[in-house]
Amino acid sequence: MLKDMEEQTSPSHIKLLCVLAIGALPGFLVWQLSEGVLQGGDIFFALGAFPLGVLLTLFFLPFPLKFRIPLWLPLLSAIVLTSLGHFRLPTPVTNDEAAYLYQAELFSSGKLTEEIVGPACPDGASHCPTHRRQMMERKNEDGVFVRYAKYPPGVSLAIAPFNFLGIPFLAVLLASVLDILLLAKLARRFGIVAPAWPPLLLATTPFFLLVQSSYQSEVFTLPAALLGYLCLLRLRDRDGDPRWNAIILGASAGWIFLCRPLTGVIYGLACLPGLLRNSKGKLAPGWKSIRNCILGGLPFLIGALVYNHLQTGEWTLSTYHAYALRFGPFYPDGAPMDVYGNGDFFSGVIRQLGRWSVGVFGILGIAALAIWGLWQSRSRDGGTAFLLGIAIPLAYAFHWYPGHWAYLGPLYCFETIGFLTLGVFVILDQAPGFWRRGLPLAATVAGITFYIHRFHITEEISELRNAHVMAAETMEGLPSNAVILLPANPQSAKLNLPSKPPFSPKNHVFVRELPGQRQTLSALEEMGLNGRPLYRFHLGGTREFDTITSFR
């Protein structure tokens, strides 16, 4: 009887396949139209995951539809896989992460800024390719030159205590554990038949693993997004103290704002329907809860404004915006690119959706099932999760930069990955047994495989950024004031300068070589490095084949 009822109420195979096909469409569009957004093999890996699910289903035909796995399995998966990622990378792969770690080091030593003798270059903007990017430099009110990271303080504050202990990676590991535990709680509240399956799927999805192998800001906002959402559901279900649930929800939005201001604003707005919309004969939490949410978020807003004032001299001028105005990058007319609203909206949306199409769970198109599940759940949360899944990619489509491709998925939308995981299981719990068996198994196997395949790209970038460490091991016999040029790269503008200016005349200096010799020599001259012994470091593939030769 139960089986008959499930078959009558479940979506048909045709409908599920159609939704998958719709979800796969952005992935194919991006693959064909936007070169560089996806890397070699991404689309084929994601496309091959569904047939893998069919094979696994046939092989595991007796696999119970309501098979419950212990919670320690997704916890162990997240801890082991993200730890391996961190231990395999000699250095972070982006300037963003280097900046967060730099600011965390300042915070852990009790400082907001680092005092420097003067600006790195007479014209810092023109030397972004060689300058230590994402580091703001300015003269403060006392006339002293200072340097600090351009980003809001939240991420570095999260890392700072662990940096003080000498183990900053533990901040990321703790965030991963919180993600798994909070998602398991949400799965139980949603009534998912096997509530440990969503955390396992999250812990093995390639996008999640690649991001959790980094120090990107989204690592530290995802737990807050899940915690706030849990409190929103508790408010709507009249579960627990409504005052504290609302305060924690507001604090979650405030923390996200302190890390990623635009995302924090979108998150707060998306929660409004959940606080105001009645459903299933229940009254919404209402305006009183909104007042308590504001109380919870207010300290974080004040903290952000105070930080702006201390660093830029103005309450409402963010460090991010100040950096964009001074260091660019710039359009030919001199306008800064990295200011919100300068993006091509249509291509931005396609890029974000295309990455979701490929990056979620390693199965092409499954993101559409997730959105469908969130739409079906809108009576439970007032539509908050669905709005987040839609609004965040739309908002960041106005950003000029689509997010680093090394992380596979749409980095700016990472906060929604937990909600999408729930959405998938909302559909799978209604789907025919074939789907309930095949998709979780396929996603778990394909996700880890996809992650391992994709990770080598991240390793290559990390090794290139770590070239100065390898060069230091082959410098025996070089003059103490030598300048060593590190390998050039078509994207040298994204590779930081390991030696922080101003440079000591008695010590080695590592500089990223620019694509042209004339450009390199001109930059060296303006940085005051001309006249020094000049060498070029060559990566040999392995340490024993690395060499240093004279530049001239």
Protein backbone atom coordinates (compact mmCIF):
# COMPACT_ATOMS: atom_id res chain seq x y z
CA MET A 1 0.00 0.00 0.00
CA LEU A 2 2.80 2.43 0.92
CA LYS A 3 4.56 1.68 -2.31
CA ASP A 4 1.41 2.37 -4.32
CA MET A 5 0.91 5.70 -2.56
CA GLU A 6 4.51 6.69 -3.23
CA GLU A 7 4.15 5.89 -6.91
CA GLN A 8 0.92 7.88 -7.19
CA THR A 9 2.31 11.02 -5.54
CA SER A 10 5.87 10.93 -6.83
CA PRO A 11 7.05 12.91 -9.88
CA SER A 12 7.36 10.82 -13.02
CA HIS A 13 10.62 9.74 -14.61
CA ILE A 14 9.88 11.98 -17.60
CA LYS A 15 9.32 15.03 -15.42
CA LEU A 16 12.52 14.42 -13.47
CA LEU A 17 14.53 13.95 -16.66
CA CYS A 18 13.07 17.16 -18.12
CA VAL A 19 14.08 19.12 -15.02
CA LEU A 20 17.60 17.67 -15.22
CA ALA A 21 17.78 18.65 -18.90
CA ILE A 22 16.70 22.21 -18.11
CA GLY A 23 19.32 22.37 -15.38
CA ALA A 24 21.99 21.10 -17.77
CA LEU A 25 21.28 23.78 -20.38
CA PRO A 26 23.27 26.63 -18.70
CA GLY A 27 26.26 24.30 -18.38
CA PHE A 28 26.27 23.61 -22.11
CA LEU A 29 25.77 27.31 -22.90
CA VAL A 30 28.73 28.34 -20.76
CA TRP A 31 30.85 25.55 -22.21
CA GLN A 32 30.15 26.79 -25.75
CA LEU A 33 29.95 30.56 -25.26
CA SER A 34 32.19 31.55 -22.33
CA GLU A 35 35.73 30.31 -22.76
CA GLY A 36 37.65 29.88 -19.51
CA VAL A 37 34.65 29.64 -17.17
CA LEU A 38 34.81 25.84 -17.18
CA GLN A 39 38.05 23.89 -17.46
CA GLY A 40 38.85 20.93 -19.66
CA GLY A 41 36.73 17.91 -18.90
CA ASP A 42 34.33 19.61 -16.46
CA ILE A 43 31.24 19.23 -18.62
CA PHE A 44 32.05 15.62 -19.51
CA PHE A 45 32.63 14.61 -15.90
CA ALA A 46 29.32 16.11 -14.85
CA LEU A 47 27.54 14.58 -17.84
CA GLY A 48 28.92 11.11 -17.12
CA ALA A 49 27.73 11.13 -13.51
CA PHE A 50 24.10 10.37 -14.36
CA PRO A 51 24.86 7.14 -16.32
CA LEU A 52 27.06 6.24 -13.36
CA GLY A 53 23.96 6.56 -11.18
CA VAL A 54 22.08 4.19 -13.45
CA LEU A 55 24.85 1.59 -13.21
CA LEU A 56 25.13 1.96 -9.45
CA THR A 57 21.39 1.56 -9.07
CA LEU A 58 21.43 -1.66 -11.07
CA PHE A 59 24.41 -2.93 -9.11
CA PHE A 60 22.94 -1.96 -5.72
CA LEU A 61 19.38 -2.95 -6.51
CA PRO A 62 18.73 -4.24 -2.96
CA PHE A 63 20.05 -0.93 -1.57
CA PRO A 64 17.28 0.19 0.86
CA LEU A 65 15.52 3.41 -0.04
CA LYS A 66 15.54 4.55 3.57
CA PHE A 67 19.10 3.47 4.32
CA ARG A 68 20.33 5.50 7.26
CA ILE A 69 24.00 6.33 7.54
CA PRO A 70 25.65 7.47 10.79
CA LEU A 71 26.42 11.18 11.10
CA TRP A 72 30.07 10.48 11.77
CA LEU A 73 30.50 9.39 8.14
CA PRO A 74 29.85 12.83 6.55
CA LEU A 75 31.78 14.45 9.40
CA LEU A 76 34.77 12.20 8.78
CA SER A 77 34.51 12.73 5.01
CA ALA A 78 34.50 16.51 5.37
CA ILE A 79 37.39 16.52 7.84
CA VAL A 80 39.60 14.11 5.90
CA LEU A 81 38.98 15.48 2.40
CA THR A 82 39.34 19.17 3.31
CA SER A 83 42.42 18.41 5.43
CA LEU A 84 44.04 16.59 2.53
CA GLY A 85 43.30 19.56 0.31
CA HIS A 86 44.99 21.99 2.68
CA PHE A 87 48.01 19.78 3.28
CA ARG A 88 48.53 19.27 -0.47
CA LEU A 89 48.62 22.98 -1.26
CA PRO A 90 51.93 24.70 -0.43
CA THR A 91 50.27 28.12 -0.45
CA PRO A 92 46.80 29.63 -1.07
CA VAL A 93 45.86 29.88 -4.74
CA THR A 94 44.46 33.43 -4.75
CA ASN A 95 45.51 36.88 -3.60
CA ASP A 96 42.21 37.07 -1.70
CA GLU A 97 43.26 34.28 0.64
CA ALA A 98 46.75 35.74 1.06
CA ALA A 99 45.14 39.04 2.06
CA TYR A 100 42.82 37.38 4.60
CA LEU A 101 45.74 35.54 6.17
CA TYR A 102 47.85 38.70 6.19
CA GLN A 103 45.11 40.63 8.02
CA ALA A 104 44.55 37.71 10.40
CA GLU A 105 48.26 37.84 11.25
CA LEU A 106 47.91 41.55 12.03
CA PHE A 107 44.81 40.93 14.17
CA SER A 108 46.45 38.08 16.07
CA SER A 109 49.36 40.38 16.94
CA GLY A 110 46.97 43.10 18.15
CA LYS A 111 47.33 45.40 15.13
CA LEU A 112 44.95 46.78 12.53
CA THR A 113 47.66 47.91 10.10
CA GLU A 114 51.34 47.44 9.31
CA GLU A 115 53.46 50.58 9.27
CA ILE A 116 55.67 50.94 6.18
CA VAL A 117 58.33 53.45 5.17
CA GLY A 118 56.37 54.63 2.16
CA PRO A 119 54.26 53.48 -0.76
CA ALA A 120 55.56 50.49 -2.67
CA CYS A 121 55.81 52.38 -5.97
CA PRO A 122 55.33 55.99 -7.09
CA ASP A 123 52.36 54.79 -9.11
CA GLY A 124 50.97 51.74 -7.34
CA ALA A 125 48.12 51.23 -9.79
CA SER A 126 50.37 50.70 -12.80
CA HIS A 127 52.35 48.05 -10.96
CA CYS A 128 49.50 45.81 -9.87
CA PRO A 129 51.13 42.93 -11.80
CA THR A 130 54.18 43.03 -9.54
CA HIS A 131 52.79 44.67 -6.46
CA ARG A 132 51.36 42.65 -3.57
CA ARG A 133 47.74 42.89 -4.70
CA GLN A 134 44.67 43.19 -2.45
CA MET A 135 46.79 45.18 0.03
CA MET A 136 45.71 48.76 0.59
CA GLU A 137 48.44 51.33 1.25
CA ARG A 138 47.75 54.88 2.36
CA LYS A 139 48.93 57.67 4.62
CA ASN A 140 46.89 57.77 7.82
CA GLU A 141 45.80 60.82 9.81
CA ASP A 142 49.16 60.90 11.62
CA GLY A 143 51.03 61.08 8.32
CA VAL A 144 52.32 57.50 8.61
CA PHE A 145 52.13 55.11 5.68
CA VAL A 146 50.25 51.93 6.56
CA ARG A 147 49.32 48.70 4.80
CA TYR A 148 46.31 46.44 5.40
CA ALA A 149 44.08 44.01 3.50
CA LYS A 150 41.33 45.54 1.41
CA TYR A 151 38.61 43.18 2.67
CA PRO A 152 36.03 43.51 5.46
CA PRO A 153 37.32 42.23 8.81
CA GLY A 154 35.03 39.26 9.49
CA VAL A 155 37.03 36.51 7.79
CA SER A 156 40.34 37.58 9.29
CA LEU A 157 38.70 37.83 12.72
CA ALA A 158 37.56 34.21 12.37
CA ILE A 159 41.06 33.07 11.41
CA ALA A 160 43.00 35.24 13.88
CA PRO A 161 42.63 33.08 17.05
CA PHE A 162 43.81 30.00 15.18
CA ASN A 163 46.58 32.00 13.52
CA PHE A 164 47.74 33.03 16.99
CA LEU A 165 48.04 29.32 17.80
CA GLY A 166 49.94 28.76 14.55
CA ILE A 167 47.22 26.59 12.97
CA PRO A 168 44.97 28.86 10.84
CA PHE A 169 43.71 25.82 8.93
CA LEU A 170 41.70 24.78 12.01
CA ALA A 171 39.37 27.73 11.39
CA VAL A 172 38.39 26.18 8.05
CA LEU A 173 38.08 22.72 9.59
CA LEU A 174 35.77 24.04 12.30
CA ALA A 175 33.63 25.74 9.65
CA SER A 176 33.34 22.43 7.77
CA VAL A 177 32.23 20.59 10.91
CA LEU A 178 29.62 23.28 11.65
CA ASP A 179 28.31 23.02 8.09
CA ILE A 180 27.77 19.27 8.44
CA LEU A 181 26.15 19.44 11.89
CA LEU A 182 23.83 22.32 10.98
CA LEU A 183 22.77 20.70 7.72
CA ALA A 184 21.96 17.47 9.59
CA LYS A 185 19.74 19.46 11.97
CA LEU A 186 18.00 21.13 9.05
CA ALA A 187 17.47 17.78 7.31
CA ARG A 188 15.75 16.42 10.41
CA ARG A 189 13.57 19.52 10.65
CA PHE A 190 12.63 19.11 6.98
CA GLY A 191 11.63 15.52 7.67
CA ILE A 192 14.19 14.02 5.27
CA VAL A 193 13.88 10.24 5.57
CA ALA A 194 17.62 9.67 6.06
CA PRO A 195 18.86 12.98 7.55
CA ALA A 196 22.58 12.14 7.35
CA TRP A 197 22.45 11.78 3.56
CA PRO A 198 22.29 15.54 2.82
CA PRO A 199 25.42 16.20 4.94
CA LEU A 200 27.22 13.33 3.16
CA LEU A 201 26.26 14.75 -0.21
CA LEU A 202 27.51 18.18 0.87
CA ALA A 203 30.75 16.71 2.23
CA THR A 204 31.50 15.00 -1.10
CA THR A 205 30.34 17.60 -3.61
CA PRO A 206 33.39 18.87 -5.56
CA PHE A 207 32.47 22.55 -5.28
CA PHE A 208 32.23 22.33 -1.49
CA LEU A 209 35.53 20.45 -1.19
CA LEU A 210 37.43 22.85 -3.46
CA VAL A 211 36.21 25.90 -1.56
CA GLN A 212 36.81 24.28 1.83
CA SER A 213 40.40 23.65 0.74
CA SER A 214 40.85 27.43 0.73
CA TYR A 215 40.55 30.47 2.98
CA GLN A 216 37.89 32.15 0.87
CA SER A 217 35.37 34.31 2.72
CA GLU A 218 32.46 32.03 1.79
CA VAL A 219 33.97 29.29 3.98
CA PHE A 220 33.11 31.39 7.02
CA THR A 221 29.70 32.65 5.90
CA LEU A 222 28.11 29.29 5.04
CA PRO A 223 27.82 28.17 8.71
CA ALA A 224 26.16 31.49 9.58
CA ALA A 225 23.72 31.14 6.67
CA LEU A 226 22.71 27.66 7.86
CA LEU A 227 22.46 28.68 11.52
CA GLY A 228 20.31 31.70 10.71
CA TYR A 229 18.04 29.58 8.52
CA LEU A 230 17.64 27.02 11.31
CA CYS A 231 16.58 29.81 13.68
CA LEU A 232 14.13 31.10 11.07
CA LEU A 233 12.49 27.66 10.89
CA ARG A 234 12.38 27.48 14.69
CA LEU A 235 10.67 30.87 14.74
CA ARG A 236 8.05 29.74 12.24
CA ASP A 237 7.48 26.46 14.10
CA ARG A 238 7.21 28.23 17.47
CA ASP A 239 10.10 26.09 18.70
CA GLY A 240 12.15 27.56 21.54
CA ASP A 241 12.50 31.13 22.75
CA PRO A 242 11.39 33.35 19.84
CA ARG A 243 13.42 36.30 21.12
CA TRP A 244 16.71 34.41 21.08
CA ASN A 245 15.94 32.70 17.79
CA ALA A 246 15.38 36.11 16.20
CA ILE A 247 18.51 37.59 17.78
CA ILE A 248 20.63 34.69 16.51
CA LEU A 249 19.08 35.03 13.04
CA GLY A 250 19.97 38.73 13.03
CA ALA A 251 23.46 38.00 14.31
CA SER A 252 23.95 35.43 11.53
CA ALA A 253 23.01 38.01 8.91
CA GLY A 254 25.26 40.52 10.68
CA TRP A 255 28.22 38.15 10.63
CA ILE A 256 27.71 37.50 6.93
CA PHE A 257 27.63 41.28 6.41
CA LEU A 258 30.90 41.64 8.34
CA CYS A 259 32.50 39.12 5.94
CA ARG A 260 30.63 39.82 2.69
CA PRO A 261 28.47 42.97 2.89
CA LEU A 262 26.38 42.45 -0.25
CA THR A 263 25.63 38.82 0.64
CA GLY A 264 24.66 39.89 4.15
CA VAL A 265 22.16 42.41 2.81
CA ILE A 266 20.64 39.86 0.40
CA TYR A 267 20.45 37.25 3.16
CA GLY A 268 18.63 39.64 5.48
CA LEU A 269 16.14 40.68 2.79
CA ALA A 270 15.48 37.06 1.79
CA CYS A 271 14.57 36.24 5.40
CA LEU A 272 11.82 38.89 5.47
CA PRO A 273 9.17 36.72 3.74
CA GLY A 274 9.91 33.94 6.21
CA LEU A 275 9.32 36.36 9.07
CA LEU A 276 6.18 37.97 7.63
CA ARG A 277 4.41 35.33 5.54
CA ASN A 278 1.73 33.16 7.16
CA SER A 279 1.49 29.51 6.11
CA LYS A 280 -0.44 26.32 6.95
CA GLY A 281 -2.74 28.17 9.32
CA LYS A 282 0.22 29.44 11.36
CA LEU A 283 0.88 33.10 12.01
CA ALA A 284 4.25 34.41 10.85
CA PRO A 285 6.76 35.52 13.52
CA GLY A 286 5.96 39.11 12.58
CA TRP A 287 7.46 42.54 13.18
CA LYS A 288 8.45 41.85 16.77
CA SER A 289 10.86 39.18 15.54
CA ILE A 290 12.21 41.58 12.94
CA ARG A 291 12.97 44.06 15.72
CA ASN A 292 14.90 41.38 17.60
CA CYS A 293 16.72 40.42 14.39
CA ILE A 294 17.84 44.03 14.05
CA LEU A 295 19.09 43.96 17.64
CA GLY A 296 21.10 40.83 16.84
CA GLY A 297 22.65 42.27 13.71
CA LEU A 298 23.28 45.81 14.96
CA PRO A 299 26.61 45.09 16.75
CA PHE A 300 28.06 43.68 13.52
CA LEU A 301 26.89 46.69 11.51
CA ILE A 302 28.44 49.05 14.06
CA GLY A 303 31.64 47.00 13.98
CA ALA A 304 31.80 47.25 10.19
CA LEU A 305 31.28 51.03 10.26
CA VAL A 306 33.91 51.53 12.97
CA TYR A 307 36.39 49.40 11.02
CA ASN A 308 35.74 51.48 7.90
CA HIS A 309 36.39 54.67 9.86
CA LEU A 310 39.61 53.37 11.40
CA GLN A 311 41.01 52.15 8.11
CA THR A 312 39.74 54.64 5.52
CA GLY A 313 38.91 57.66 7.65
CA GLU A 314 35.24 57.57 6.61
CA TRP A 315 32.37 55.68 8.23
CA THR A 316 30.69 54.58 5.00
CA LEU A 317 33.73 54.18 2.73
CA SER A 318 34.60 50.49 2.85
CA THR A 319 38.16 49.26 2.58
CA TYR A 320 37.14 47.30 -0.53
CA HIS A 321 35.79 50.39 -2.29
CA ALA A 322 38.76 52.53 -1.27
CA TYR A 323 41.14 49.97 -2.77
CA ALA A 324 39.16 49.86 -6.02
CA LEU A 325 39.33 53.65 -6.33
CA ARG A 326 43.09 53.74 -5.79
CA PHE A 327 44.53 50.54 -7.22
CA GLY A 328 41.93 49.48 -9.76
CA PRO A 329 41.93 47.65 -12.07
CA PHE A 330 40.64 50.44 -14.27
CA TYR A 331 38.75 50.85 -17.52
CA PRO A 332 40.54 52.85 -20.26
CA ASP A 333 38.67 55.99 -19.16
CA GLY A 334 40.10 55.63 -15.64
CA ALA A 335 36.92 54.36 -13.94
CA PRO A 336 37.50 51.48 -11.47
CA MET A 337 36.22 48.09 -12.64
CA ASP A 338 35.86 46.45 -9.23
CA VAL A 339 32.86 48.50 -8.11
CA TYR A 340 29.43 46.92 -7.85
CA GLY A 341 27.22 47.53 -10.87
CA ASN A 342 29.94 47.30 -13.52
CA GLY A 343 29.14 43.75 -14.59
CA ASP A 344 27.39 42.51 -17.71
CA PHE A 345 24.19 41.21 -16.12
CA PHE A 346 23.18 38.66 -18.76
CA SER A 347 26.60 37.05 -19.15
CA GLY A 348 27.02 37.14 -15.37
CA VAL A 349 23.79 35.20 -14.83
CA ILE A 350 24.74 32.64 -17.47
CA ARG A 351 28.18 32.16 -15.90
CA GLN A 352 26.73 31.69 -12.42
CA LEU A 353 24.02 29.28 -13.57
CA GLY A 354 26.46 27.40 -15.80
CA ARG A 355 28.78 26.81 -12.88
CA TRP A 356 25.91 25.66 -10.68
CA SER A 357 24.86 23.31 -13.46
CA VAL A 358 28.24 21.57 -13.36
CA GLY A 359 29.56 22.15 -9.85
CA VAL A 360 26.68 20.94 -7.64
CA PHE A 361 27.23 17.31 -6.56
CA GLY A 362 29.16 16.62 -9.77
CA ILE A 363 25.97 15.71 -11.68
CA LEU A 364 25.05 17.90 -14.64
CA GLY A 365 21.73 19.66 -14.12
CA ILE A 366 20.95 18.49 -10.59
CA ALA A 367 20.89 22.13 -9.44
CA ALA A 368 17.49 22.42 -11.17
CA LEU A 369 16.14 19.61 -8.98
CA ALA A 370 17.42 21.54 -5.97
CA ILE A 371 15.64 24.76 -7.00
CA TRP A 372 12.47 22.77 -7.61
CA GLY A 373 12.71 21.30 -4.12
CA LEU A 374 13.18 24.73 -2.56
CA TRP A 375 10.13 26.00 -4.45
CA GLN A 376 8.07 23.14 -3.02
CA SER A 377 9.32 24.01 0.48
CA ARG A 378 8.30 27.66 0.41
CA SER A 379 5.31 27.07 2.70
CA ARG A 380 7.71 25.81 5.36
CA ASP A 381 10.15 28.74 5.30
CA GLY A 382 8.10 31.47 3.60
CA GLY A 383 10.17 31.10 0.44
CA THR A 384 13.43 32.25 2.05
CA ALA A 385 15.68 29.45 0.75
CA PHE A 386 14.21 29.70 -2.75
CA LEU A 387 14.74 33.48 -2.77
CA LEU A 388 18.35 33.07 -1.65
CA GLY A 389 18.98 30.50 -4.37
CA ILE A 390 17.70 32.95 -6.98
CA ALA A 391 18.66 36.37 -5.58
CA ILE A 392 22.34 35.81 -4.81
CA PRO A 393 23.35 34.78 -8.37
CA LEU A 394 21.21 37.58 -9.81
CA ALA A 395 22.80 40.17 -7.53
CA TYR A 396 26.36 39.08 -8.23
CA ALA A 397 25.69 39.06 -11.96
CA PHE A 398 26.19 42.84 -11.69
CA HIS A 399 29.76 42.25 -10.48
CA TRP A 400 32.46 42.74 -13.11
CA TYR A 401 34.39 39.65 -11.98
CA PRO A 402 32.57 36.29 -12.07
CA GLY A 403 34.58 34.60 -9.31
CA HIS A 404 37.69 32.45 -9.48
CA TRP A 405 37.30 29.47 -11.81
CA ALA A 406 39.60 27.26 -9.71
CA TYR A 407 36.70 26.50 -7.37
CA LEU A 408 34.47 25.05 -10.13
CA GLY A 409 31.16 26.43 -8.86
CA PRO A 410 29.90 30.03 -8.59
CA LEU A 411 31.97 31.19 -5.62
CA TYR A 412 29.74 34.20 -4.90
CA CYS A 413 26.74 31.86 -4.45
CA PHE A 414 28.44 29.40 -2.12
CA GLU A 415 26.19 30.32 0.83
CA THR A 416 23.24 28.68 -0.91
CA ILE A 417 24.82 25.25 -1.36
CA GLY A 418 23.39 23.93 1.91
CA PHE A 419 19.87 24.97 0.92
CA LEU A 420 20.27 23.41 -2.50
CA THR A 421 21.32 20.15 -0.86
CA LEU A 422 18.09 20.16 1.14
CA GLY A 423 16.12 20.96 -2.02
CA VAL A 424 17.51 17.91 -3.80
CA PHE A 425 16.38 15.60 -1.01
CA VAL A 426 12.94 17.20 -0.84
CA ILE A 427 12.49 15.96 -4.43
CA LEU A 428 14.28 12.63 -3.94
CA ASP A 429 12.08 11.74 -0.96
CA GLN A 430 9.09 11.95 -3.33
CA ALA A 431 10.80 10.39 -6.35
CA PRO A 432 10.59 6.78 -7.55
CA GLY A 433 12.95 4.33 -5.90
CA PHE A 434 15.30 4.30 -8.88
CA TRP A 435 16.09 7.98 -8.35
CA ARG A 436 16.37 7.72 -4.58
CA ARG A 437 18.89 4.92 -4.96
CA GLY A 438 20.83 6.20 -7.95
CA LEU A 439 21.37 9.92 -7.45
CA PRO A 440 22.81 9.93 -3.91
CA LEU A 441 25.14 7.04 -4.77
CA ALA A 442 26.23 8.63 -8.05
CA ALA A 443 26.72 12.05 -6.47
CA THR A 444 28.86 10.64 -3.67
CA VAL A 445 31.12 8.66 -6.01
CA ALA A 446 31.21 11.24 -8.82
CA GLY A 447 31.72 14.14 -6.42
CA ILE A 448 34.90 12.74 -4.90
CA THR A 449 36.19 11.67 -8.33
CA PHE A 450 35.42 15.09 -9.80
CA TYR A 451 37.15 16.80 -6.87
CA ILE A 452 40.33 14.75 -7.31
CA HIS A 453 40.31 15.44 -11.06
CA ARG A 454 39.78 19.17 -10.52
CA PHE A 455 42.22 19.51 -7.63
CA HIS A 456 45.32 19.18 -9.81
CA ILE A 457 44.48 22.55 -11.41
CA THR A 458 44.47 24.14 -7.97
CA GLU A 459 47.77 22.45 -7.15
CA GLU A 460 49.40 23.88 -10.29
CA ILE A 461 48.34 27.41 -9.37
CA SER A 462 49.52 26.94 -5.80
CA GLU A 463 52.93 25.67 -6.92
CA LEU A 464 53.33 28.62 -9.28
CA ARG A 465 52.50 31.02 -6.45
CA ASN A 466 54.94 29.17 -4.21
CA ALA A 467 57.83 29.54 -6.66
CA HIS A 468 59.73 31.89 -4.33
CA VAL A 469 60.03 29.13 -1.72
CA MET A 470 61.40 26.71 -4.30
CA ALA A 471 63.72 29.41 -5.64
CA ALA A 472 65.10 30.06 -2.15
CA GLU A 473 66.30 26.44 -2.05
CA THR A 474 68.44 26.89 -5.18
CA MET A 475 70.02 30.29 -4.41
CA GLU A 476 73.34 29.14 -3.03
CA GLY A 477 76.16 31.38 -4.22
CA LEU A 478 73.97 34.28 -5.37
CA PRO A 479 74.73 37.83 -4.18
CA SER A 480 72.81 38.77 -1.03
CA ASN A 481 71.07 41.67 -2.79
CA ALA A 482 70.05 39.70 -5.89
CA VAL A 483 66.65 40.15 -7.53
CA ILE A 484 65.09 36.84 -8.58
CA LEU A 485 62.42 36.92 -11.24
CA LEU A 486 59.75 34.27 -10.73
CA PRO A 487 58.09 32.62 -13.75
CA ALA A 488 55.83 34.84 -15.83
CA ASN A 489 52.27 33.82 -16.48
CA PRO A 490 49.49 35.15 -18.73
CA GLN A 491 47.62 35.94 -15.51
CA SER A 492 50.59 37.43 -13.65
CA ALA A 493 48.33 40.22 -12.43
CA LYS A 494 46.66 37.60 -10.22
CA LEU A 495 49.94 36.34 -8.75
CA ASN A 496 51.21 38.20 -5.72
CA LEU A 497 54.69 39.54 -5.14
CA PRO A 498 56.16 37.49 -2.27
CA SER A 499 58.64 40.18 -1.15
CA LYS A 500 56.72 43.02 0.43
CA PRO A 501 57.95 46.48 -0.56
CA PRO A 502 59.73 48.68 0.39
CA PHE A 503 62.72 46.43 -0.30
CA SER A 504 65.86 46.14 1.79
CA PRO A 505 69.02 46.94 -0.24
CA LYS A 506 70.84 44.07 1.51
CA ASN A 507 68.35 41.21 1.07
CA HIS A 508 67.10 39.04 -1.78
CA VAL A 509 63.96 40.27 -3.52
CA PHE A 510 61.50 38.03 -5.37
CA VAL A 511 59.57 39.70 -8.20
CA ARG A 512 57.05 38.17 -10.57
CA GLU A 513 58.37 38.51 -14.12
CA LEU A 514 56.03 40.33 -16.50
CA PRO A 515 55.21 39.02 -19.99
CA GLY A 516 57.58 41.44 -21.77
CA GLN A 517 61.26 42.09 -20.96
CA ARG A 518 60.91 45.85 -21.43
CA GLN A 519 57.88 45.91 -19.13
CA THR A 520 59.77 43.91 -16.51
CA LEU A 521 62.84 46.16 -16.59
CA SER A 522 60.71 49.30 -16.46
CA ALA A 523 58.86 48.02 -13.40
CA LEU A 524 62.13 47.09 -11.68
CA GLU A 525 63.51 50.57 -12.32
CA GLU A 526 60.49 52.32 -10.88
CA MET A 527 60.57 50.06 -7.83
CA GLY A 528 64.20 51.03 -7.20
CA LEU A 529 65.56 47.58 -8.04
CA ASN A 530 67.60 48.50 -11.12
CA GLY A 531 71.33 48.01 -10.81
CA ARG A 532 71.01 44.93 -8.67
CA PRO A 533 72.17 41.48 -9.83
CA LEU A 534 69.23 40.04 -11.75
CA TYR A 535 68.38 36.35 -12.08
CA ARG A 536 65.54 34.27 -13.49
CA PHE A 537 64.11 31.23 -11.72
CA HIS A 538 62.97 28.29 -13.88
CA LEU A 539 60.53 25.66 -12.64
CA GLY A 540 61.78 22.24 -13.69
CA GLY A 541 58.75 20.20 -12.74
CA THR A 542 60.49 18.72 -9.70
CA ARG A 543 62.79 20.28 -7.11
CA GLU A 544 65.97 18.68 -8.47
CA PHE A 545 65.39 20.22 -11.90
CA ASP A 546 64.63 23.79 -10.71
CA THR A 547 67.34 26.21 -11.85
CA ILE A 548 68.36 29.86 -11.56
CA THR A 549 70.13 31.61 -14.44
CA SER A 550 71.37 35.13 -15.08
CA PHE A 551 68.68 37.34 -16.62
CA ARG A 552 70.94 39.18 -19.07
